[in-house]
Amino acid sequence: METVKNAANYVEETVKGGGSEASKEANKNVAKDSDAGLGTRAGAAKDAVKDKTDAEKHDAKAGANKEAAKH
């Protein structure tokens, strides 16, 4: 039963990591947009850094759950 739970958590964390990665890329594009205001660009850059951290966290959790599901 624990293996099934770990597999489900792996899928969940993988999806969350993908969402964070997509958000990071969108924020990077806003940060680079010369038509956007300075405050908007700065906020997007800050959010891109947070999204990158979130994606790495989710990827690490997914990896741990994948390994746990093997046992």
N, C-alpha and C. Protein backbone atom coordinates (compact mmCIF):
# COMPACT_ATOMS: atom_id res chain seq x y z
N MET A 1 0.83 -1.20 0.00
CA MET A 1 0.00 0.00 0.00
C MET A 1 0.87 1.26 0.00
N GLU A 2 1.97 1.20 0.74
CA GLU A 2 2.87 2.36 0.80
C GLU A 2 3.49 2.65 -0.57
N THR A 3 3.74 1.60 -1.35
CA THR A 3 4.30 1.77 -2.69
C THR A 3 3.34 2.55 -3.58
N VAL A 4 2.07 2.25 -3.49
CA VAL A 4 1.05 2.95 -4.28
C VAL A 4 1.02 4.43 -3.88
N LYS A 5 1.07 4.68 -2.59
CA LYS A 5 1.07 6.06 -2.09
C LYS A 5 2.30 6.81 -2.60
N ASN A 6 3.46 6.17 -2.56
CA ASN A 6 4.69 6.82 -3.05
C ASN A 6 4.61 7.08 -4.55
N ALA A 7 4.03 6.15 -5.29
CA ALA A 7 3.88 6.34 -6.73
C ALA A 7 2.94 7.51 -7.03
N ALA A 8 1.86 7.61 -6.28
CA ALA A 8 0.92 8.73 -6.46
C ALA A 8 1.59 10.05 -6.10
N ASN A 9 2.37 10.05 -5.03
CA ASN A 9 3.08 11.27 -4.64
C ASN A 9 4.13 11.65 -5.69
N TYR A 10 4.75 10.66 -6.29
CA TYR A 10 5.72 10.92 -7.36
C TYR A 10 5.04 11.65 -8.52
N VAL A 11 3.89 11.14 -8.93
CA VAL A 11 3.16 11.76 -10.04
C VAL A 11 2.74 13.18 -9.66
N GLU A 12 2.23 13.35 -8.46
CA GLU A 12 1.78 14.67 -8.00
C GLU A 12 2.94 15.67 -8.00
N GLU A 13 4.08 15.27 -7.46
CA GLU A 13 5.23 16.19 -7.39
C GLU A 13 5.79 16.48 -8.77
N THR A 14 5.73 15.49 -9.66
CA THR A 14 6.20 15.71 -11.03
C THR A 14 5.33 16.74 -11.73
N VAL A 15 4.02 16.65 -11.54
CA VAL A 15 3.09 17.62 -12.15
C VAL A 15 3.34 19.01 -11.57
N LYS A 16 3.47 19.08 -10.25
CA LYS A 16 3.73 20.39 -9.61
C LYS A 16 5.04 20.99 -10.09
N GLY A 17 6.06 20.15 -10.24
CA GLY A 17 7.35 20.64 -10.73
C GLY A 17 7.24 21.18 -12.15
N GLY A 18 6.46 20.49 -12.98
CA GLY A 18 6.24 20.96 -14.35
C GLY A 18 5.50 22.29 -14.38
N GLY A 19 4.54 22.44 -13.49
CA GLY A 19 3.81 23.71 -13.41
C GLY A 19 4.70 24.85 -12.97
N SER A 20 5.56 24.58 -12.01
CA SER A 20 6.50 25.61 -11.54
C SER A 20 7.49 25.98 -12.64
N GLU A 21 7.92 24.99 -13.40
CA GLU A 21 8.85 25.25 -14.51
C GLU A 21 8.19 26.12 -15.58
N ALA A 22 6.94 25.82 -15.90
CA ALA A 22 6.21 26.62 -16.89
C ALA A 22 6.02 28.05 -16.39
N SER A 23 5.69 28.20 -15.13
CA SER A 23 5.52 29.53 -14.55
C SER A 23 6.83 30.31 -14.57
N LYS A 24 7.92 29.61 -14.29
CA LYS A 24 9.25 30.25 -14.32
C LYS A 24 9.53 30.82 -15.71
N GLU A 25 9.27 30.02 -16.73
CA GLU A 25 9.53 30.46 -18.10
C GLU A 25 8.65 31.65 -18.48
N ALA A 26 7.39 31.62 -18.06
CA ALA A 26 6.49 32.74 -18.35
C ALA A 26 6.98 34.01 -17.66
N ASN A 27 7.40 33.87 -16.42
CA ASN A 27 7.91 35.04 -15.69
C ASN A 27 9.22 35.55 -16.28
N LYS A 28 10.06 34.66 -16.76
CA LYS A 28 11.29 35.09 -17.42
C LYS A 28 10.98 35.93 -18.66
N ASN A 29 9.96 35.50 -19.40
CA ASN A 29 9.59 36.24 -20.60
C ASN A 29 9.07 37.63 -20.25
N VAL A 30 8.28 37.73 -19.20
CA VAL A 30 7.78 39.04 -18.76
C VAL A 30 8.95 39.91 -18.31
N ALA A 31 9.88 39.32 -17.58
CA ALA A 31 11.03 40.08 -17.09
C ALA A 31 11.88 40.63 -18.22
N LYS A 32 11.89 39.94 -19.35
CA LYS A 32 12.69 40.37 -20.50
C LYS A 32 11.93 41.32 -21.43
N ASP A 33 10.63 41.48 -21.21
CA ASP A 33 9.78 42.28 -22.09
C ASP A 33 10.05 43.77 -21.89
N SER A 34 10.65 44.39 -22.87
CA SER A 34 10.99 45.81 -22.75
C SER A 34 9.75 46.71 -22.78
N ASP A 35 8.61 46.17 -23.19
CA ASP A 35 7.37 46.96 -23.18
C ASP A 35 6.69 46.98 -21.82
N ALA A 36 7.10 46.07 -20.93
CA ALA A 36 6.52 46.01 -19.59
C ALA A 36 7.19 47.05 -18.70
N GLY A 37 6.46 47.52 -17.70
CA GLY A 37 7.01 48.50 -16.78
C GLY A 37 8.11 47.89 -15.91
N LEU A 38 8.95 48.75 -15.36
CA LEU A 38 10.08 48.30 -14.55
C LEU A 38 9.61 47.48 -13.34
N GLY A 39 8.57 47.94 -12.67
CA GLY A 39 8.05 47.21 -11.51
C GLY A 39 7.53 45.83 -11.89
N THR A 40 6.85 45.78 -13.02
CA THR A 40 6.32 44.50 -13.51
C THR A 40 7.46 43.55 -13.84
N ARG A 41 8.47 44.06 -14.51
CA ARG A 41 9.63 43.23 -14.88
C ARG A 41 10.38 42.74 -13.65
N ALA A 42 10.56 43.62 -12.67
CA ALA A 42 11.27 43.23 -11.45
C ALA A 42 10.48 42.17 -10.68
N GLY A 43 9.17 42.36 -10.60
CA GLY A 43 8.33 41.38 -9.91
C GLY A 43 8.37 40.03 -10.60
N ALA A 44 8.34 40.04 -11.92
CA ALA A 44 8.39 38.80 -12.68
C ALA A 44 9.74 38.09 -12.50
N ALA A 45 10.81 38.86 -12.45
CA ALA A 45 12.13 38.27 -12.23
C ALA A 45 12.19 37.60 -10.86
N LYS A 46 11.66 38.28 -9.85
CA LYS A 46 11.62 37.71 -8.50
C LYS A 46 10.79 36.44 -8.48
N ASP A 47 9.64 36.47 -9.14
CA ASP A 47 8.77 35.30 -9.19
C ASP A 47 9.42 34.14 -9.94
N ALA A 48 10.21 34.45 -10.98
CA ALA A 48 10.90 33.40 -11.73
C ALA A 48 11.91 32.67 -10.83
N VAL A 49 12.59 33.41 -9.98
CA VAL A 49 13.54 32.79 -9.06
C VAL A 49 12.81 31.88 -8.08
N LYS A 50 11.68 32.35 -7.56
CA LYS A 50 10.88 31.53 -6.64
C LYS A 50 10.36 30.28 -7.34
N ASP A 51 9.89 30.44 -8.58
CA ASP A 51 9.39 29.30 -9.33
C ASP A 51 10.49 28.27 -9.57
N LYS A 52 11.70 28.74 -9.84
CA LYS A 52 12.82 27.81 -10.05
C LYS A 52 13.08 27.01 -8.77
N THR A 53 13.07 27.68 -7.63
CA THR A 53 13.26 27.01 -6.35
C THR A 53 12.16 25.99 -6.11
N ASP A 54 10.93 26.38 -6.39
CA ASP A 54 9.78 25.48 -6.22
C ASP A 54 9.92 24.26 -7.13
N ALA A 55 10.32 24.47 -8.38
CA ALA A 55 10.47 23.36 -9.32
C ALA A 55 11.54 22.39 -8.84
N GLU A 56 12.65 22.92 -8.34
CA GLU A 56 13.72 22.06 -7.83
C GLU A 56 13.25 21.27 -6.61
N LYS A 57 12.48 21.92 -5.74
CA LYS A 57 11.94 21.25 -4.55
C LYS A 57 11.01 20.11 -4.96
N HIS A 58 10.12 20.38 -5.91
CA HIS A 58 9.18 19.35 -6.36
C HIS A 58 9.92 18.20 -7.05
N ASP A 59 10.94 18.53 -7.84
CA ASP A 59 11.72 17.48 -8.50
C ASP A 59 12.43 16.59 -7.48
N ALA A 60 12.96 17.20 -6.43
CA ALA A 60 13.63 16.42 -5.39
C ALA A 60 12.64 15.50 -4.68
N LYS A 61 11.47 16.03 -4.36
CA LYS A 61 10.44 15.21 -3.70
C LYS A 61 9.99 14.08 -4.63
N ALA A 62 9.84 14.38 -5.91
CA ALA A 62 9.43 13.35 -6.87
C ALA A 62 10.47 12.24 -6.92
N GLY A 63 11.73 12.62 -6.94
CA GLY A 63 12.80 11.64 -6.96
C GLY A 63 12.79 10.76 -5.73
N ALA A 64 12.57 11.36 -4.58
CA ALA A 64 12.52 10.60 -3.32
C ALA A 64 11.33 9.63 -3.33
N ASN A 65 10.19 10.09 -3.81
CA ASN A 65 9.02 9.22 -3.88
C ASN A 65 9.21 8.09 -4.90
N LYS A 66 9.89 8.39 -5.99
CA LYS A 66 10.15 7.36 -7.00
C LYS A 66 11.02 6.26 -6.39
N GLU A 67 12.06 6.65 -5.68
CA GLU A 67 12.94 5.67 -5.04
C GLU A 67 12.20 4.87 -3.98
N ALA A 68 11.38 5.53 -3.20
CA ALA A 68 10.62 4.84 -2.15
C ALA A 68 9.62 3.86 -2.75
N ALA A 69 9.08 4.18 -3.92
CA ALA A 69 8.10 3.30 -4.55
C ALA A 69 8.75 2.02 -5.06
N LYS A 70 10.05 2.05 -5.30
CA LYS A 70 10.77 0.87 -5.78
C LYS A 70 10.93 -0.19 -4.71
N HIS A 71 10.82 0.20 -3.46
CA HIS A 71 11.10 -0.73 -2.36
C HIS A 71 9.86 -1.36 -1.81
